[in-house]
């Protein structure tokens, strides 16, 4: 009898959990996960009252659990939808920043153009009088072309400037020779002498170079902001893969299924999961940085003695200077034009005007006000700071999304969720980008199959960077809308659909868990929980003890 008692005590010590205070027959209640699950909006139907064996689980470790297959599937879809929502929120924040820079620069540049046009109107009314009032359309058409070009219209800027000077030459010649009968064909001949006679001096050539550089840079810069916002919007809407869904589920909700609702992911574990999920997004990094750097170079050209405000605000002065040059040499210019185009025929009636161009002082236009200079300086400084801040965006996403969900505090790395249980996470953090994921222990990725939607956006970044580099050299570029619904503010439409439909069960293929450097947990045994038994040990030891007693 004493031998039986001793054997029983030995058996009980080896199966301490089964002989504990709560006993093996009493499984843990599922009330906590029932409350959690219904709090996520799911029906209470099908939730076990107490723990069940977890052989049916295909994502979470297969220990004792309160999660059924349907619950696991629903939580997996939910976890992916929640992560996609976080990605859209992060993208929306960057879009708002880019949109703010667009609106600030666009508003400033259009204000410059409007002020320049208003200055020309006010000063020319008092200096060029009747000539301006009769030919105001020539000047307003120039500003209209400049606005349209800046807005992205398919206008050749050099051709528009050449057309302006040709029309101005025609109108000045006609105004200076009102006593003659001059037809359209004759005026066309006059305009063709522009390049040969240079009646406006060096102003057209100098202005063409400065205006072209300024407007090409301004247009490419705002287009760069628009393209950047569109890339962020479209990439933020790319759906996460099935493999990523499994990994996020294992990291986010499997602790609940294992009865560890307070367990938070280990820092390096979360990093590996999200680096795997966002591997294609991280491949945007190189071209994204190139675009930001080139945009900063372009923006730095806006300020200074030949900055955008100087060029735009000085247009009235430079145009008036060119007109004055022609008027001062009117007799010589007239003779050359008549020699090239033929003699003029006097009108049958009417007399010549005595004072065609009134005596006037030199037109003076304040080229750069102090307020304009300060405003532009602040604008360039702000946009440079924003562009610099956004450079690491795509590679910083994993850390940003992990920052508020991982375990923190003293000793947290030994008590965090590592994908299997509460313990230290031993694998190293892998690198960024698709090629680095070949050794990712958490997300199974085929590195030979990149996401084509994201690759297309990488190409858009390359194209935009090339255009900006052309703009730095003053080369005009023909912009074509590269998006199907681009919006100037960079705040394009955001998908507002539900995370995913919960009405369909997702069949997830079984994949092997990564091999950890420490002994793996028995998938049919739950460790670290007081109310769980170890039937396999008792089963093997009981016959041995019976034989021993005999």
Foldseek 3Di string as FASTA:
>chain_A
DVLVVVLVVVLCVVWVLQVDPVHAVDAAALPVVLVVLVVVVDDSPPFDRGWDQQPQDQQAQGATFRDDQLRLQLLLLVLLLVVLVVLLVLLLVLLLVLLVLLCLLVVLLVVLLVVQLVLLVVLCCVAFNPLCVVVVVLVVVLSVLLVCVLVQDQDDNLVSLLVSVLVVQLSVLCLQPVQFDDDPVLSVLRSVCCVVPVLLPCLSVVLSLLSLLQSLLSSLLLVLSLLVLVLSQLVSNDRFDLLLSSLSSLQQPSCSGLVNNPFFAALLLLLLSVLQRLQLLLVLQPLLLLSLVLSLVSLVQQADPSHNQLSSNCVSLSVQSSVVSNVVCVVVSSVVSCVRRHHTHGDPDDDDDPPSRDDDDRDDTDRDDPVSNVSSVVSSVSSNVSSVVCNNVSVCVSVVVSVPGGFDDPPSQQQHDNSHHGGHPPDGRWDHHLVRCVPRQRGDDDSVDRDVSSVVSSVVSVVSSVSSVCSVVSHHDNDDDPDPDTDSSSSDDHDPDRSDDSPDRDDRDRDDHGDGPDDHDDSHHRPDDSNHTDVVSSVVSVVVSVVVVD
